[in-house]
Every structure is written in C-alpha cells, then in structure tokens.
Full PDB file with SEQRES, HELIX, SHEET, SSBOND, CRYST1, ORIGX, SCALE, CONECT and MASTER records, all heavy atoms in Angstrom:
SEQRES   1 A   43  ALA PHE VAL GLY THR LEU PHE LEU VAL ALA ARG GLY VAL          
SEQRES   2 A   43  ASP ALA VAL THR ASP PRO MET MET GLY LEU VAL VAL ASP          
SEQRES   3 A   43  ASN THR ARG SER ARG PHE GLY LYS PHE ARG PRO TRP ILE          
SEQRES   4 A   43  VAL ILE GLY THR                                              
HELIX    1 AA1 PHE A    2  ASP A   26  1                                  25    
HELIX    2 AA2 ARG A   36  GLY A   42  1                                   7    
CRYST1    1.000    1.000    1.000  90.00  90.00  90.00 P 1           1          
ORIGX1      1.000000  0.000000  0.000000        0.00000                         
ORIGX2      0.000000  1.000000  0.000000        0.00000                         
ORIGX3      0.000000  0.000000  1.000000        0.00000                         
SCALE1      1.000000  0.000000  0.000000        0.00000                         
SCALE2      0.000000  1.000000  0.000000        0.00000                         
SCALE3      0.000000  0.000000  1.000000        0.00000                         
ATOM      1  N   ALA A   1      29.507 -34.669  55.339  1.00  0.00           N  
ATOM      2  CA  ALA A   1      30.544 -33.640  55.528  1.00  0.00           C  
ATOM      3  C   ALA A   1      31.757 -34.070  54.799  1.00  0.00           C  
ATOM      4  O   ALA A   1      32.626 -33.267  54.157  1.00  0.00           O  
ATOM      5  CB  ALA A   1      30.774 -33.422  56.983  1.00  0.00           C  
ATOM      6  N   PHE A   2      32.116 -35.313  54.857  1.00  0.00           N  
ATOM      7  CA  PHE A   2      33.291 -35.822  54.211  1.00  0.00           C  
ATOM      8  C   PHE A   2      33.146 -35.726  52.704  1.00  0.00           C  
ATOM      9  O   PHE A   2      34.106 -35.338  52.148  1.00  0.00           O  
ATOM     10  CB  PHE A   2      33.479 -37.395  54.543  1.00  0.00           C  
ATOM     11  CG  PHE A   2      34.578 -38.134  53.746  1.00  0.00           C  
ATOM     12  CD1 PHE A   2      35.796 -37.961  54.082  1.00  0.00           C  
ATOM     13  CD2 PHE A   2      34.247 -38.787  52.666  1.00  0.00           C  
ATOM     14  CE1 PHE A   2      36.828 -38.504  53.303  1.00  0.00           C  
ATOM     15  CE2 PHE A   2      35.129 -39.387  51.830  1.00  0.00           C  
ATOM     16  CZ  PHE A   2      36.530 -39.321  52.188  1.00  0.00           C  
ATOM     17  N   VAL A   3      31.987 -36.002  52.149  1.00  0.00           N  
ATOM     18  CA  VAL A   3      31.833 -35.890  50.714  1.00  0.00           C  
ATOM     19  C   VAL A   3      31.985 -34.516  50.217  1.00  0.00           C  
ATOM     20  O   VAL A   3      32.590 -34.201  49.286  1.00  0.00           O  
ATOM     21  CB  VAL A   3      30.456 -36.472  50.335  1.00  0.00           C  
ATOM     22  CG1 VAL A   3      30.129 -36.274  48.750  1.00  0.00           C  
ATOM     23  CG2 VAL A   3      30.218 -37.928  50.648  1.00  0.00           C  
ATOM     24  N   GLY A   4      31.314 -33.544  51.031  1.00  0.00           N  
ATOM     25  CA  GLY A   4      31.451 -32.199  50.664  1.00  0.00           C  
ATOM     26  C   GLY A   4      32.865 -31.665  50.677  1.00  0.00           C  
ATOM     27  O   GLY A   4      33.364 -30.984  49.772  1.00  0.00           O  
ATOM     28  N   THR A   5      33.618 -32.206  51.749  1.00  0.00           N  
ATOM     29  CA  THR A   5      35.054 -31.723  51.935  1.00  0.00           C  
ATOM     30  C   THR A   5      35.933 -32.315  50.620  1.00  0.00           C  
ATOM     31  O   THR A   5      36.668 -31.730  50.131  1.00  0.00           O  
ATOM     32  CB  THR A   5      35.625 -32.248  53.174  1.00  0.00           C  
ATOM     33  OG1 THR A   5      34.864 -31.584  54.187  1.00  0.00           O  
ATOM     34  CG2 THR A   5      37.061 -31.749  53.307  1.00  0.00           C  
ATOM     35  N   LEU A   6      35.625 -33.684  50.251  1.00  0.00           N  
ATOM     36  CA  LEU A   6      36.327 -34.251  49.280  1.00  0.00           C  
ATOM     37  C   LEU A   6      36.045 -33.547  47.892  1.00  0.00           C  
ATOM     38  O   LEU A   6      37.024 -33.378  47.174  1.00  0.00           O  
ATOM     39  CB  LEU A   6      35.687 -35.776  49.164  1.00  0.00           C  
ATOM     40  CG  LEU A   6      36.193 -36.508  47.949  1.00  0.00           C  
ATOM     41  CD1 LEU A   6      37.761 -36.671  47.952  1.00  0.00           C  
ATOM     42  CD2 LEU A   6      35.477 -37.917  47.881  1.00  0.00           C  
ATOM     43  N   PHE A   7      34.919 -33.113  47.620  1.00  0.00           N  
ATOM     44  CA  PHE A   7      34.546 -32.508  46.422  1.00  0.00           C  
ATOM     45  C   PHE A   7      35.368 -31.216  46.335  1.00  0.00           C  
ATOM     46  O   PHE A   7      35.922 -30.892  45.264  1.00  0.00           O  
ATOM     47  CB  PHE A   7      33.129 -31.981  46.383  1.00  0.00           C  
ATOM     48  CG  PHE A   7      32.245 -33.176  46.110  1.00  0.00           C  
ATOM     49  CD1 PHE A   7      30.811 -32.923  46.001  1.00  0.00           C  
ATOM     50  CD2 PHE A   7      32.691 -34.445  45.757  1.00  0.00           C  
ATOM     51  CE1 PHE A   7      29.949 -33.921  45.716  1.00  0.00           C  
ATOM     52  CE2 PHE A   7      31.759 -35.427  45.478  1.00  0.00           C  
ATOM     53  CZ  PHE A   7      30.374 -35.273  45.536  1.00  0.00           C  
ATOM     54  N   LEU A   8      35.651 -30.402  47.356  1.00  0.00           N  
ATOM     55  CA  LEU A   8      36.438 -29.121  47.381  1.00  0.00           C  
ATOM     56  C   LEU A   8      37.854 -29.564  47.382  1.00  0.00           C  
ATOM     57  O   LEU A   8      38.617 -28.825  46.534  1.00  0.00           O  
ATOM     58  CB  LEU A   8      36.167 -28.365  48.691  1.00  0.00           C  
ATOM     59  CG  LEU A   8      36.502 -26.949  48.723  1.00  0.00           C  
ATOM     60  CD1 LEU A   8      35.791 -26.181  47.623  1.00  0.00           C  
ATOM     61  CD2 LEU A   8      36.107 -26.326  50.060  1.00  0.00           C  
ATOM     62  N   VAL A   9      38.311 -30.523  48.142  1.00  0.00           N  
ATOM     63  CA  VAL A   9      39.823 -30.788  47.993  1.00  0.00           C  
ATOM     64  C   VAL A   9      40.240 -31.239  46.615  1.00  0.00           C  
ATOM     65  O   VAL A   9      41.339 -30.842  46.201  1.00  0.00           O  
ATOM     66  CB  VAL A   9      40.202 -31.792  49.129  1.00  0.00           C  
ATOM     67  CG1 VAL A   9      41.565 -32.334  48.875  1.00  0.00           C  
ATOM     68  CG2 VAL A   9      40.017 -31.285  50.589  1.00  0.00           C  
ATOM     69  N   ALA A  10      39.349 -31.988  46.003  1.00  0.00           N  
ATOM     70  CA  ALA A  10      39.710 -32.418  44.719  1.00  0.00           C  
ATOM     71  C   ALA A  10      40.022 -31.414  43.603  1.00  0.00           C  
ATOM     72  O   ALA A  10      40.663 -31.456  42.718  1.00  0.00           O  
ATOM     73  CB  ALA A  10      38.593 -33.382  44.159  1.00  0.00           C  
ATOM     74  N   ARG A  11      39.128 -30.336  43.884  1.00  0.00           N  
ATOM     75  CA  ARG A  11      39.344 -29.121  43.026  1.00  0.00           C  
ATOM     76  C   ARG A  11      40.736 -28.465  43.206  1.00  0.00           C  
ATOM     77  O   ARG A  11      41.126 -27.789  42.194  1.00  0.00           O  
ATOM     78  CB  ARG A  11      38.223 -28.106  43.218  1.00  0.00           C  
ATOM     79  CG  ARG A  11      36.843 -28.719  42.895  1.00  0.00           C  
ATOM     80  CD  ARG A  11      36.729 -29.194  41.418  1.00  0.00           C  
ATOM     81  NE  ARG A  11      37.325 -30.438  41.087  1.00  0.00           N  
ATOM     82  CZ  ARG A  11      36.738 -31.582  41.212  1.00  0.00           C  
ATOM     83  NH1 ARG A  11      35.491 -31.650  41.826  1.00  0.00           N  
ATOM     84  NH2 ARG A  11      37.398 -32.620  40.890  1.00  0.00           N  
ATOM     85  N   GLY A  12      41.300 -28.578  44.375  1.00  0.00           N  
ATOM     86  CA  GLY A  12      42.555 -28.186  44.511  1.00  0.00           C  
ATOM     87  C   GLY A  12      43.618 -28.737  43.610  1.00  0.00           C  
ATOM     88  O   GLY A  12      44.550 -28.137  43.122  1.00  0.00           O  
ATOM     89  N   VAL A  13      43.425 -30.092  43.409  1.00  0.00           N  
ATOM     90  CA  VAL A  13      44.208 -30.908  42.433  1.00  0.00           C  
ATOM     91  C   VAL A  13      43.955 -30.232  41.029  1.00  0.00           C  
ATOM     92  O   VAL A  13      44.839 -30.072  40.258  1.00  0.00           O  
ATOM     93  CB  VAL A  13      43.921 -32.364  42.490  1.00  0.00           C  
ATOM     94  CG1 VAL A  13      44.669 -33.186  41.534  1.00  0.00           C  
ATOM     95  CG2 VAL A  13      44.147 -32.883  43.943  1.00  0.00           C  
ATOM     96  N   ASP A  14      42.645 -30.025  40.687  1.00  0.00           N  
ATOM     97  CA  ASP A  14      42.293 -29.657  39.412  1.00  0.00           C  
ATOM     98  C   ASP A  14      42.956 -28.272  39.034  1.00  0.00           C  
ATOM     99  O   ASP A  14      43.218 -27.855  37.827  1.00  0.00           O  
ATOM    100  CB  ASP A  14      40.779 -29.584  39.181  1.00  0.00           C  
ATOM    101  CG  ASP A  14      40.167 -30.976  39.200  1.00  0.00           C  
ATOM    102  OD1 ASP A  14      40.945 -31.844  38.736  1.00  0.00           O  
ATOM    103  OD2 ASP A  14      39.072 -30.979  39.643  1.00  0.00           O  
ATOM    104  N   ALA A  15      43.116 -27.467  40.096  1.00  0.00           N  
ATOM    105  CA  ALA A  15      43.666 -26.171  39.865  1.00  0.00           C  
ATOM    106  C   ALA A  15      45.008 -26.022  39.345  1.00  0.00           C  
ATOM    107  O   ALA A  15      45.512 -25.201  38.646  1.00  0.00           O  
ATOM    108  CB  ALA A  15      43.489 -25.274  41.223  1.00  0.00           C  
ATOM    109  N   VAL A  16      45.742 -27.219  39.493  1.00  0.00           N  
ATOM    110  CA  VAL A  16      47.084 -27.480  39.040  1.00  0.00           C  
ATOM    111  C   VAL A  16      46.963 -28.229  37.723  1.00  0.00           C  
ATOM    112  O   VAL A  16      47.664 -27.772  36.675  1.00  0.00           O  
ATOM    113  CB  VAL A  16      47.853 -28.193  39.980  1.00  0.00           C  
ATOM    114  CG1 VAL A  16      49.353 -28.445  39.426  1.00  0.00           C  
ATOM    115  CG2 VAL A  16      48.103 -27.411  41.297  1.00  0.00           C  
ATOM    116  N   THR A  17      46.187 -29.353  37.643  1.00  0.00           N  
ATOM    117  CA  THR A  17      46.195 -30.196  36.476  1.00  0.00           C  
ATOM    118  C   THR A  17      45.499 -29.690  35.304  1.00  0.00           C  
ATOM    119  O   THR A  17      45.908 -29.892  34.207  1.00  0.00           O  
ATOM    120  CB  THR A  17      45.612 -31.594  36.940  1.00  0.00           C  
ATOM    121  OG1 THR A  17      44.214 -31.457  37.388  1.00  0.00           O  
ATOM    122  CG2 THR A  17      46.403 -32.194  38.038  1.00  0.00           C  
ATOM    123  N   ASP A  18      44.432 -28.857  35.563  1.00  0.00           N  
ATOM    124  CA  ASP A  18      43.697 -28.328  34.382  1.00  0.00           C  
ATOM    125  C   ASP A  18      44.465 -27.473  33.380  1.00  0.00           C  
ATOM    126  O   ASP A  18      44.650 -27.631  32.288  1.00  0.00           O  
ATOM    127  CB  ASP A  18      42.429 -27.703  34.844  1.00  0.00           C  
ATOM    128  CG  ASP A  18      41.341 -28.638  35.385  1.00  0.00           C  
ATOM    129  OD1 ASP A  18      41.592 -29.844  35.386  1.00  0.00           O  
ATOM    130  OD2 ASP A  18      40.204 -28.177  35.441  1.00  0.00           O  
ATOM    131  N   PRO A  19      45.104 -26.289  33.990  1.00  0.00           N  
ATOM    132  CA  PRO A  19      46.080 -25.534  33.078  1.00  0.00           C  
ATOM    133  C   PRO A  19      47.241 -26.351  32.559  1.00  0.00           C  
ATOM    134  O   PRO A  19      47.582 -26.048  31.373  1.00  0.00           O  
ATOM    135  CB  PRO A  19      46.583 -24.524  34.123  1.00  0.00           C  
ATOM    136  CG  PRO A  19      45.521 -24.342  35.207  1.00  0.00           C  
ATOM    137  CD  PRO A  19      45.105 -25.818  35.418  1.00  0.00           C  
ATOM    138  N   MET A  20      47.684 -27.283  33.312  1.00  0.00           N  
ATOM    139  CA  MET A  20      48.742 -28.115  32.760  1.00  0.00           C  
ATOM    140  C   MET A  20      48.370 -29.000  31.505  1.00  0.00           C  
ATOM    141  O   MET A  20      49.041 -29.081  30.481  1.00  0.00           O  
ATOM    142  CB  MET A  20      49.397 -29.082  33.703  1.00  0.00           C  
ATOM    143  CG  MET A  20      50.120 -28.428  34.901  1.00  0.00           C  
ATOM    144  SD  MET A  20      50.740 -29.695  36.087  1.00  0.00           S  
ATOM    145  CE  MET A  20      51.836 -30.742  35.133  1.00  0.00           C  
ATOM    146  N   MET A  21      47.037 -29.454  31.542  1.00  0.00           N  
ATOM    147  CA  MET A  21      46.436 -30.072  30.488  1.00  0.00           C  
ATOM    148  C   MET A  21      46.273 -29.343  29.347  1.00  0.00           C  
ATOM    149  O   MET A  21      46.532 -29.480  28.195  1.00  0.00           O  
ATOM    150  CB  MET A  21      45.266 -30.872  30.850  1.00  0.00           C  
ATOM    151  CG  MET A  21      44.564 -31.772  29.719  1.00  0.00           C  
ATOM    152  SD  MET A  21      45.784 -33.118  29.460  1.00  0.00           S  
ATOM    153  CE  MET A  21      45.499 -33.461  27.812  1.00  0.00           C  
ATOM    154  N   GLY A  22      45.855 -27.952  29.647  1.00  0.00           N  
ATOM    155  CA  GLY A  22      45.767 -26.989  28.568  1.00  0.00           C  
ATOM    156  C   GLY A  22      47.092 -26.708  27.876  1.00  0.00           C  
ATOM    157  O   GLY A  22      47.207 -26.572  26.654  1.00  0.00           O  
ATOM    158  N   LEU A  23      48.173 -26.724  28.686  1.00  0.00           N  
ATOM    159  CA  LEU A  23      49.416 -26.577  28.192  1.00  0.00           C  
ATOM    160  C   LEU A  23      49.874 -27.644  27.231  1.00  0.00           C  
ATOM    161  O   LEU A  23      50.484 -27.473  26.123  1.00  0.00           O  
ATOM    162  CB  LEU A  23      50.527 -26.379  29.347  1.00  0.00           C  
ATOM    163  CG  LEU A  23      51.926 -26.302  29.068  1.00  0.00           C  
ATOM    164  CD1 LEU A  23      52.346 -24.968  28.217  1.00  0.00           C  
ATOM    165  CD2 LEU A  23      52.859 -26.437  30.269  1.00  0.00           C  
ATOM    166  N   VAL A  24      49.594 -28.849  27.774  1.00  0.00           N  
ATOM    167  CA  VAL A  24      49.926 -30.211  26.969  1.00  0.00           C  
ATOM    168  C   VAL A  24      49.201 -30.096  25.580  1.00  0.00           C  
ATOM    169  O   VAL A  24      49.875 -30.430  24.544  1.00  0.00           O  
ATOM    170  CB  VAL A  24      49.527 -31.365  27.761  1.00  0.00           C  
ATOM    171  CG1 VAL A  24      49.610 -32.668  26.924  1.00  0.00           C  
ATOM    172  CG2 VAL A  24      50.435 -31.519  28.999  1.00  0.00           C  
ATOM    173  N   VAL A  25      47.974 -29.778  25.508  1.00  0.00           N  
ATOM    174  CA  VAL A  25      47.172 -29.774  24.262  1.00  0.00           C  
ATOM    175  C   VAL A  25      47.735 -28.653  23.398  1.00  0.00           C  
ATOM    176  O   VAL A  25      47.883 -28.942  22.228  1.00  0.00           O  
ATOM    177  CB  VAL A  25      45.681 -29.589  24.596  1.00  0.00           C  
ATOM    178  CG1 VAL A  25      44.957 -29.320  23.326  1.00  0.00           C  
ATOM    179  CG2 VAL A  25      44.986 -30.636  25.503  1.00  0.00           C  
ATOM    180  N   ASP A  26      48.059 -27.489  23.910  1.00  0.00           N  
ATOM    181  CA  ASP A  26      48.489 -26.449  23.001  1.00  0.00           C  
ATOM    182  C   ASP A  26      49.891 -26.811  22.365  1.00  0.00           C  
ATOM    183  O   ASP A  26      50.261 -26.213  21.535  1.00  0.00           O  
ATOM    184  CB  ASP A  26      48.375 -25.108  23.727  1.00  0.00           C  
ATOM    185  CG  ASP A  26      47.049 -24.435  23.657  1.00  0.00           C  
ATOM    186  OD1 ASP A  26      46.375 -24.547  22.660  1.00  0.00           O  
ATOM    187  OD2 ASP A  26      46.713 -23.654  24.585  1.00  0.00           O  
ATOM    188  N   ASN A  27      50.585 -27.618  23.250  1.00  0.00           N  
ATOM    189  CA  ASN A  27      52.006 -27.910  22.571  1.00  0.00           C  
ATOM    190  C   ASN A  27      51.925 -29.209  21.788  1.00  0.00           C  
ATOM    191  O   ASN A  27      52.961 -29.663  21.305  1.00  0.00           O  
ATOM    192  CB  ASN A  27      52.921 -28.213  23.870  1.00  0.00           C  
ATOM    193  CG  ASN A  27      53.389 -26.840  24.343  1.00  0.00           C  
ATOM    194  OD1 ASN A  27      53.398 -25.943  23.645  1.00  0.00           O  
ATOM    195  ND2 ASN A  27      53.735 -26.939  25.690  1.00  0.00           N  
ATOM    196  N   THR A  28      50.708 -29.823  21.537  1.00  0.00           N  
ATOM    197  CA  THR A  28      50.566 -31.118  20.843  1.00  0.00           C  
ATOM    198  C   THR A  28      50.654 -30.765  19.309  1.00  0.00           C  
ATOM    199  O   THR A  28      49.990 -29.904  18.777  1.00  0.00           O  
ATOM    200  CB  THR A  28      49.278 -31.851  21.093  1.00  0.00           C  
ATOM    201  OG1 THR A  28      49.355 -32.184  22.461  1.00  0.00           O  
ATOM    202  CG2 THR A  28      49.167 -33.133  20.263  1.00  0.00           C  
ATOM    203  N   ARG A  29      51.500 -31.576  18.641  1.00  0.00           N  
ATOM    204  CA  ARG A  29      51.487 -31.348  17.107  1.00  0.00           C  
ATOM    205  C   ARG A  29      51.439 -32.855  16.530  1.00  0.00           C  
ATOM    206  O   ARG A  29      52.255 -33.701  16.753  1.00  0.00           O  
ATOM    207  CB  ARG A  29      52.867 -30.860  16.654  1.00  0.00           C  
ATOM    208  CG  ARG A  29      53.248 -29.467  17.304  1.00  0.00           C  
ATOM    209  CD  ARG A  29      52.420 -28.298  16.839  1.00  0.00           C  
ATOM    210  NE  ARG A  29      52.917 -27.070  17.262  1.00  0.00           N  
ATOM    211  CZ  ARG A  29      52.420 -26.517  18.402  1.00  0.00           C  
ATOM    212  NH1 ARG A  29      51.446 -27.164  19.134  1.00  0.00           N  
ATOM    213  NH2 ARG A  29      52.937 -25.395  18.982  1.00  0.00           N  
ATOM    214  N   SER A  30      50.347 -33.080  15.897  1.00  0.00           N  
ATOM    215  CA  SER A  30      50.125 -34.340  15.258  1.00  0.00           C  
ATOM    216  C   SER A  30      49.333 -34.148  13.935  1.00  0.00           C  
ATOM    217  O   SER A  30      48.651 -33.277  13.652  1.00  0.00           O  
ATOM    218  CB  SER A  30      49.464 -35.278  16.247  1.00  0.00           C  
ATOM    219  OG  SER A  30      48.080 -35.026  16.190  1.00  0.00           O  
ATOM    220  N   ARG A  31      49.272 -35.399  13.219  1.00  0.00           N  
ATOM    221  CA  ARG A  31      48.695 -35.235  11.946  1.00  0.00           C  
ATOM    222  C   ARG A  31      47.072 -35.291  12.059  1.00  0.00           C  
ATOM    223  O   ARG A  31      46.266 -34.989  11.198  1.00  0.00           O  
ATOM    224  CB  ARG A  31      49.015 -36.438  10.972  1.00  0.00           C  
ATOM    225  CG  ARG A  31      48.660 -37.899  11.499  1.00  0.00           C  
ATOM    226  CD  ARG A  31      49.283 -38.913  10.584  1.00  0.00           C  
ATOM    227  NE  ARG A  31      48.863 -40.290  11.053  1.00  0.00           N  
ATOM    228  CZ  ARG A  31      47.846 -40.985  10.337  1.00  0.00           C  
ATOM    229  NH1 ARG A  31      47.256 -40.349   9.361  1.00  0.00           N  
ATOM    230  NH2 ARG A  31      47.562 -42.279  10.723  1.00  0.00           N  
ATOM    231  N   PHE A  32      46.539 -35.598  13.344  1.00  0.00           N  
ATOM    232  CA  PHE A  32      45.269 -35.532  13.751  1.00  0.00           C  
ATOM    233  C   PHE A  32      44.889 -34.090  14.407  1.00  0.00           C  
ATOM    234  O   PHE A  32      43.700 -33.988  14.874  1.00  0.00           O  
ATOM    235  CB  PHE A  32      44.891 -36.640  14.679  1.00  0.00           C  
ATOM    236  CG  PHE A  32      45.173 -38.077  14.016  1.00  0.00           C  
ATOM    237  CD1 PHE A  32      46.110 -38.786  14.464  1.00  0.00           C  
ATOM    238  CD2 PHE A  32      44.346 -38.498  12.985  1.00  0.00           C  
ATOM    239  CE1 PHE A  32      46.365 -40.102  14.076  1.00  0.00           C  
ATOM    240  CE2 PHE A  32      44.617 -39.652  12.456  1.00  0.00           C  
ATOM    241  CZ  PHE A  32      45.648 -40.499  12.979  1.00  0.00           C  
ATOM    242  N   GLY A  33      45.815 -33.219  14.394  1.00  0.00           N  
ATOM    243  CA  GLY A  33      45.627 -32.066  15.234  1.00  0.00           C  
ATOM    244  C   GLY A  33      46.013 -32.075  16.637  1.00  0.00           C  
ATOM    245  O   GLY A  33      46.530 -33.121  17.016  1.00  0.00           O  
ATOM    246  N   LYS A  34      45.620 -30.959  17.276  1.00  0.00           N  
ATOM    247  CA  LYS A  34      46.170 -30.931  18.625  1.00  0.00           C  
ATOM    248  C   LYS A  34      44.982 -31.420  19.658  1.00  0.00           C  
ATOM    249  O   LYS A  34      45.181 -31.547  20.864  1.00  0.00           O  
ATOM    250  CB  LYS A  34      46.751 -29.707  19.035  1.00  0.00           C  
ATOM    251  CG  LYS A  34      45.730 -28.540  19.066  1.00  0.00           C  
ATOM    252  CD  LYS A  34      46.645 -27.319  19.471  1.00  0.00           C  
ATOM    253  CE  LYS A  34      45.639 -25.943  19.422  1.00  0.00           C  
ATOM    254  NZ  LYS A  34      46.405 -24.833  19.864  1.00  0.00           N  
ATOM    255  N   PHE A  35      43.807 -31.369  19.237  1.00  0.00           N  
ATOM    256  CA  PHE A  35      42.725 -31.605  20.111  1.00  0.00           C  
ATOM    257  C   PHE A  35      42.201 -32.963  20.019  1.00  0.00           C  
ATOM    258  O   PHE A  35      41.839 -33.745  21.057  1.00  0.00           O  
ATOM    259  CB  PHE A  35      41.403 -30.770  19.674  1.00  0.00           C  
ATOM    260  CG  PHE A  35      41.921 -29.290  19.641  1.00  0.00           C  
ATOM    261  CD1 PHE A  35      41.888 -28.623  18.484  1.00  0.00           C  
ATOM    262  CD2 PHE A  35      42.248 -28.589  20.775  1.00  0.00           C  
ATOM    263  CE1 PHE A  35      42.167 -27.230  18.559  1.00  0.00           C  
ATOM    264  CE2 PHE A  35      42.555 -27.276  20.812  1.00  0.00           C  
ATOM    265  CZ  PHE A  35      42.556 -26.633  19.608  1.00  0.00           C  
ATOM    266  N   ARG A  36      42.014 -33.815  18.769  1.00  0.00           N  
ATOM    267  CA  ARG A  36      41.148 -35.013  18.734  1.00  0.00           C  
ATOM    268  C   ARG A  36      41.900 -36.140  19.406  1.00  0.00           C  
ATOM    269  O   ARG A  36      41.232 -36.978  20.030  1.00  0.00           O  
ATOM    270  CB  ARG A  36      40.965 -35.233  17.239  1.00  0.00           C  
ATOM    271  CG  ARG A  36      39.877 -34.300  16.689  1.00  0.00           C  
ATOM    272  CD  ARG A  36      39.668 -34.668  15.181  1.00  0.00           C  
ATOM    273  NE  ARG A  36      40.829 -34.301  14.307  1.00  0.00           N  
ATOM    274  CZ  ARG A  36      41.039 -35.067  13.311  1.00  0.00           C  
ATOM    275  NH1 ARG A  36      40.313 -36.155  12.870  1.00  0.00           N  
ATOM    276  NH2 ARG A  36      42.178 -34.944  12.591  1.00  0.00           N  
ATOM    277  N   PRO A  37      43.200 -36.224  19.296  1.00  0.00           N  
ATOM    278  CA  PRO A  37      43.920 -37.382  19.957  1.00  0.00           C  
ATOM    279  C   PRO A  37      43.568 -37.470  21.512  1.00  0.00           C  
ATOM    280  O   PRO A  37      43.274 -38.421  22.037  1.00  0.00           O  
ATOM    281  CB  PRO A  37      45.430 -37.280  19.801  1.00  0.00           C  
ATOM    282  CG  PRO A  37      45.577 -36.435  18.475  1.00  0.00           C  
ATOM    283  CD  PRO A  37      44.212 -35.492  18.647  1.00  0.00           C  
ATOM    284  N   TRP A  38      43.674 -36.282  22.049  1.00  0.00           N  
ATOM    285  CA  TRP A  38      43.375 -36.241  23.530  1.00  0.00           C  
ATOM    286  C   TRP A  38      41.993 -36.482  23.955  1.00  0.00           C  
ATOM    287  O   TRP A  38      41.569 -36.926  24.983  1.00  0.00           O  
ATOM    288  CB  TRP A  38      43.831 -34.885  24.004  1.00  0.00           C  
ATOM    289  CG  TRP A  38      45.381 -34.742  24.120  1.00  0.00           C  
ATOM    290  CD1 TRP A  38      46.066 -33.867  23.304  1.00  0.00           C  
ATOM    291  CD2 TRP A  38      46.260 -35.392  24.824  1.00  0.00           C  
ATOM    292  NE1 TRP A  38      47.360 -34.017  23.533  1.00  0.00           N  
ATOM    293  CE2 TRP A  38      47.547 -34.964  24.460  1.00  0.00           C  
ATOM    294  CE3 TRP A  38      46.195 -36.395  25.764  1.00  0.00           C  
ATOM    295  CZ2 TRP A  38      48.811 -35.515  25.108  1.00  0.00           C  
ATOM    296  CZ3 TRP A  38      47.284 -36.999  26.378  1.00  0.00           C  
ATOM    297  CH2 TRP A  38      48.588 -36.480  26.109  1.00  0.00           C  
ATOM    298  N   ILE A  39      41.021 -36.148  23.025  1.00  0.00           N  
ATOM    299  CA  ILE A  39      39.554 -36.473  23.282  1.00  0.00           C  
ATOM    300  C   ILE A  39      39.439 -37.861  23.451  1.00  0.00           C  
ATOM    301  O   ILE A  39      38.777 -38.426  24.466  1.00  0.00           O  
ATOM    302  CB  ILE A  39      38.767 -35.901  22.178  1.00  0.00           C  
ATOM    303  CG1 ILE A  39      38.669 -34.411  22.201  1.00  0.00           C  
ATOM    304  CG2 ILE A  39      37.304 -36.465  22.246  1.00  0.00           C  
ATOM    305  CD1 ILE A  39      38.004 -33.753  21.050  1.00  0.00           C  
ATOM    306  N   VAL A  40      40.049 -38.801  22.521  1.00  0.00           N  
ATOM    307  CA  VAL A  40      39.925 -40.216  22.523  1.00  0.00           C  
ATOM    308  C   VAL A  40      40.642 -40.744  23.817  1.00  0.00           C  
ATOM    309  O   VAL A  40      40.073 -41.555  24.470  1.00  0.00           O  
ATOM    310  CB  VAL A  40      40.470 -40.962  21.240  1.00  0.00           C  
ATOM    311  CG1 VAL A  40      40.486 -42.354  21.453  1.00  0.00           C  
ATOM    312  CG2 VAL A  40      39.657 -40.392  20.110  1.00  0.00           C  
ATOM    313  N   ILE A  41      41.870 -40.252  23.913  1.00  0.00           N  
ATOM    314  CA  ILE A  41      42.636 -40.881  25.132  1.00  0.00           C  
ATOM    315  C   ILE A  41      41.909 -40.526  26.589  1.00  0.00           C  
ATOM    316  O   ILE A  41      41.785 -41.415  27.357  1.00  0.00           O  
ATOM    317  CB  ILE A  41      44.131 -40.146  25.099  1.00  0.00           C  
ATOM    318  CG1 ILE A  41      44.825 -40.654  23.914  1.00  0.00           C  
ATOM    319  CG2 ILE A  41      44.804 -40.525  26.476  1.00  0.00           C  
ATOM    320  CD1 ILE A  41      46.177 -39.936  23.782  1.00  0.00           C  
ATOM    321  N   GLY A  42      41.424 -39.292  26.621  1.00  0.00           N  
ATOM    322  CA  GLY A  42      40.887 -38.885  27.745  1.00  0.00           C  
ATOM    323  C   GLY A  42      39.435 -39.567  27.973  1.00  0.00           C  
ATOM    324  O   GLY A  42      39.221 -39.955  29.097  1.00  0.00           O  
ATOM    325  N   THR A  43      38.813 -39.882  27.090  1.00  0.00           N  
ATOM    326  CA  THR A  43      37.467 -40.690  27.082  1.00  0.00           C  
ATOM    327  C   THR A  43      37.785 -42.009  27.664  1.00  0.00           C  
ATOM    328  O   THR A  43      37.085 -42.566  28.476  1.00  0.00           O  
ATOM    329  CB  THR A  43      36.835 -40.744  25.800  1.00  0.00           C  
ATOM    330  OG1 THR A  43      36.383 -39.385  25.305  1.00  0.00           O  
ATOM    331  CG2 THR A  43      35.498 -41.593  25.792  1.00  0.00           C  
TER     332      THR A  43                                                      
MASTER        0    0    0    2    0    0    0    6  331    1    0    4          
END                                                                             
C-alpha cells in the first residue's frame, strides 16, 4: 500500500516538473541545439 501510494504521489511532483522541463528545453539556445545537452545532463 505504501509503494502504490508513493508511485501516485511522485507523479504529483512530475505534473509540475515535467512541463517546467519542457519550458527549459524550449528556451535553451546552444551550439549543440536545445535537445542534446539536456540528454547528456539528464542521463
């Protein structure tokens, strides 16, 4: 029951952070483009 609840609560955090990360990526300007730097950092 704790694990199932944890999985659900964590997605409440993602509901905020996922669109924010999309905003960060779309505002990124670099000589490597806006996607690839974040792929490496995130990995």
